[in-house]
C-alpha atoms as a PDB file:
ATOM      1  CA  MET A   1      -1.898   8.091   4.433  1.00  0.00           C
ATOM      2  CA  ARG A   2      -4.120   6.880   2.055  1.00  0.00           C
ATOM      3  CA  ILE A   3      -2.105   5.135  -0.166  1.00  0.00           C
ATOM      4  CA  ILE A   4      -0.737   3.818   2.517  1.00  0.00           C
ATOM      5  CA  ALA A   5      -4.498   2.199   3.184  1.00  0.00           C
ATOM      6  CA  GLY A   6      -4.719   1.153   0.177  1.00  0.00           C
ATOM      7  CA  LEU A   7      -1.509  -1.282  -0.118  1.00  0.00           C
ATOM      8  CA  LEU A   8      -2.261  -2.227   3.607  1.00  0.00           C
ATOM      9  CA  GLN A   9      -5.532  -4.062   2.044  1.00  0.00           C
ATOM     10  CA  VAL A  10      -4.389  -5.737  -0.975  1.00  0.00           C
ATOM     11  CA  VAL A  11      -2.037  -7.987   1.844  1.00  0.00           C
ATOM     12  CA  PHE A  12      -4.977  -7.775   5.073  1.00  0.00           C
ATOM     13  CA  LYS A  13      -6.114 -11.292   4.968  1.00  0.00           C
ATOM     14  CA  THR A  14      -3.906 -12.846   3.796  1.00  0.00           C
ATOM     15  CA  ASP A  15       0.019 -14.822   4.960  1.00  0.00           C
ATOM     16  CA  PHE A  16       1.859 -12.436   2.983  1.00  0.00           C
ATOM     17  CA  GLY A  17       4.170  -8.387   3.815  1.00  0.00           C
ATOM     18  CA  LEU A  18       4.782  -5.765   1.967  1.00  0.00           C
ATOM     19  CA  THR A  19       8.348  -3.776   1.100  1.00  0.00           C
ATOM     20  CA  VAL A  20       7.079   0.312   0.147  1.00  0.00           C
ATOM     21  CA  ASP A  21       8.943   2.845  -0.872  1.00  0.00           C
ATOM     22  CA  LEU A  22       7.771   6.131  -0.695  1.00  0.00           C
ATOM     23  CA  SER A  23      10.285   8.306   0.071  1.00  0.00           C
ATOM     24  CA  ASN A  24       9.413  10.485  -3.534  1.00  0.00           C
ATOM     25  CA  TYR A  25       6.005  11.296  -1.921  1.00  0.00           C
ATOM     26  CA  SER A  26       4.982  14.155   0.135  1.00  0.00           C
ATOM     27  CA  GLY A  27       3.336  14.195   3.144  1.00  0.00           C
ATOM     28  CA  ALA A  28       0.577  16.436   0.714  1.00  0.00           C
ATOM     29  CA  GLN A  29       0.692  13.686  -2.185  1.00  0.00           C
ATOM     30  CA  LEU A  30       0.483  10.732   0.798  1.00  0.00           C
ATOM     31  CA  PHE A  31      -3.024  12.286   2.621  1.00  0.00           C
ATOM     32  CA  SER A  32      -3.928  12.775  -1.412  1.00  0.00           C
ATOM     33  CA  GLU A  33      -7.554  12.186  -1.557  1.00  0.00           C
ATOM     34  CA  THR A  34      -7.021  12.052  -5.506  1.00  0.00           C
ATOM     35  CA  GLN A  35      -9.287   9.807  -7.118  1.00  0.00           C
ATOM     36  CA  SER A  36      -7.896   9.298 -10.387  1.00  0.00           C
ATOM     37  CA  ARG A  37      -5.728   6.053  -8.457  1.00  0.00           C
ATOM     38  CA  TYR A  38      -5.995   2.781  -8.825  1.00  0.00           C
ATOM     39  CA  ILE A  39      -3.523   0.631  -6.675  1.00  0.00           C
ATOM     40  CA  VAL A  40      -2.747  -2.814  -8.441  1.00  0.00           C
ATOM     41  CA  SER A  41      -1.261  -5.642  -7.320  1.00  0.00           C
ATOM     42  CA  VAL A  42       0.666  -7.364 -10.913  1.00  0.00           C
ATOM     43  CA  ALA A  43       2.883 -10.852 -10.995  1.00  0.00           C
ATOM     44  CA  PRO A  44       5.945  -9.724 -11.031  1.00  0.00           C
ATOM     45  CA  ASN A  45       5.793 -11.858 -14.677  1.00  0.00           C
ATOM     46  CA  GLN A  46       3.627  -9.967 -16.362  1.00  0.00           C
ATOM     47  CA  GLN A  47       4.787  -6.311 -14.858  1.00  0.00           C
ATOM     48  CA  ASP A  48       6.709  -5.225 -17.773  1.00  0.00           C
ATOM     49  CA  ALA A  49       2.878  -5.833 -20.204  1.00  0.00           C
ATOM     50  CA  PHE A  50       0.829  -4.174 -17.788  1.00  0.00           C
ATOM     51  CA  GLU A  51       3.773  -1.381 -18.133  1.00  0.00           C
ATOM     52  CA  ALA A  52       3.686  -1.289 -21.607  1.00  0.00           C
ATOM     53  CA  LEU A  53       0.086  -1.446 -21.709  1.00  0.00           C
ATOM     54  CA  ALA A  54      -0.372   1.473 -19.567  1.00  0.00           C
ATOM     55  CA  GLN A  55       2.170   3.497 -21.574  1.00  0.00           C
ATOM     56  CA  GLU A  56       0.033   2.540 -24.463  1.00  0.00           C
ATOM     57  CA  CYS A  57      -2.956   3.472 -23.324  1.00  0.00           C
ATOM     58  CA  GLY A  58      -1.465   6.670 -21.811  1.00  0.00           C
ATOM     59  CA  VAL A  59      -1.206   5.685 -18.462  1.00  0.00           C
ATOM     60  CA  PHE A  60       1.298   6.505 -15.573  1.00  0.00           C
ATOM     61  CA  VAL A  61       2.050   3.594 -13.494  1.00  0.00           C
ATOM     62  CA  GLN A  62       4.759   3.641 -11.221  1.00  0.00           C
ATOM     63  CA  GLN A  63       6.119   0.931  -8.362  1.00  0.00           C
ATOM     64  CA  LEU A  64       5.495   1.816  -4.552  1.00  0.00           C
ATOM     65  CA  GLY A  65       6.613  -1.576  -3.726  1.00  0.00           C
ATOM     66  CA  THR A  66       6.755  -5.429  -4.286  1.00  0.00           C
ATOM     67  CA  VAL A  67       4.173  -7.971  -1.778  1.00  0.00           C
ATOM     68  CA  THR A  68       6.221 -10.308   0.186  1.00  0.00           C
ATOM     69  CA  ASP A  69       6.119 -13.193   1.539  1.00  0.00           C
ATOM     70  CA  GLU A  70       7.041 -12.535   5.287  1.00  0.00           C
ATOM     71  CA  PRO A  71       4.092 -10.819   7.177  1.00  0.00           C
ATOM     72  CA  THR A  72       6.023  -7.665   7.830  1.00  0.00           C
ATOM     73  CA  ILE A  73       5.275  -4.350   5.987  1.00  0.00           C
ATOM     74  CA  HIS A  74       8.128  -2.202   5.185  1.00  0.00           C
ATOM     75  CA  VAL A  75       8.001   1.224   4.874  1.00  0.00           C
ATOM     76  CA  THR A  76      10.491   3.605   3.613  1.00  0.00           C
ATOM     77  CA  THR A  77       9.268   7.502   3.637  1.00  0.00           C
ATOM     78  CA  ALA A  78      11.193  10.697   2.833  1.00  0.00           C
ATOM     79  CA  GLU A  79      12.250   9.964   7.156  1.00  0.00           C
ATOM     80  CA  ARG A  80      12.782   6.740   7.594  1.00  0.00           C
ATOM     81  CA  THR A  81      12.399   3.060   7.390  1.00  0.00           C
ATOM     82  CA  HIS A  82       9.297   1.624   9.390  1.00  0.00           C
ATOM     83  CA  ILE A  83       8.729  -1.757   9.913  1.00  0.00           C
ATOM     84  CA  LEU A  84       5.233  -2.305  11.610  1.00  0.00           C
ATOM     85  CA  ASN A  85       3.741  -5.720  12.289  1.00  0.00           C
ATOM     86  CA  LYS A  86       1.124  -6.976  10.057  1.00  0.00           C
ATOM     87  CA  ALA A  87      -1.295  -8.440  12.541  1.00  0.00           C
ATOM     88  CA  ASN A  88      -1.019  -5.598  14.806  1.00  0.00           C
ATOM     89  CA  LEU A  89      -1.948  -3.153  11.367  1.00  0.00           C
ATOM     90  CA  GLU A  90      -4.877  -5.572  10.299  1.00  0.00           C
ATOM     91  CA  SER A  91      -5.921  -5.415  13.856  1.00  0.00           C
ATOM     92  CA  LEU A  92      -6.714  -2.281  14.471  1.00  0.00           C
ATOM     93  CA  TRP A  93      -7.877  -1.518  10.694  1.00  0.00           C
ATOM     94  CA  GLN A  94     -10.879  -4.432  11.803  1.00  0.00           C
ATOM     95  CA  ASN A  95     -11.911  -3.020  15.076  1.00  0.00           C
ATOM     96  CA  ALA A  96     -11.476   1.208  14.698  1.00  0.00           C
ATOM     97  CA  LEU A  97     -14.838   0.913  13.678  1.00  0.00           C
ATOM     98  CA  PRO A  98     -15.875  -0.790  16.076  1.00  0.00           C
ATOM     99  CA  ILE A  99     -14.292   0.726  18.624  1.00  0.00           C
ATOM    100  CA  LEU A 100     -15.249   4.141  18.137  1.00  0.00           C
ATOM    101  CA  LEU A 101     -18.769   3.626  17.534  1.00  0.00           C
ATOM    102  CA  ASN A 102     -18.838   1.909  20.698  1.00  0.00           C
ATOM    103  CA  PRO A 103     -16.199   3.369  23.428  1.00  0.00           C
ATOM    104  CA  SER A 104     -16.533   1.442  26.918  1.00  0.00           C
END
């Protein structure tokens, strides 16, 4: 779920949420540690220019989703759409290491 973790980090500590469609990705792709993938957030009015530049440079790009004004995460996979509370996910993310390192 490296892709999802990267996407979530884009909106953590903001008032925004995400709508993401990963229905065309296999489990292997979602868990891949491939180092040549980047997540870029582009303003809607700059999307065409960004995609044109990427194509000109021979870089494959694919839109995975959009940033929303609602602090909720909507992730569509091949099986279903998950609606997740961003505040809960952010809390789990922020506290994961302290909990693992200091179990009580």
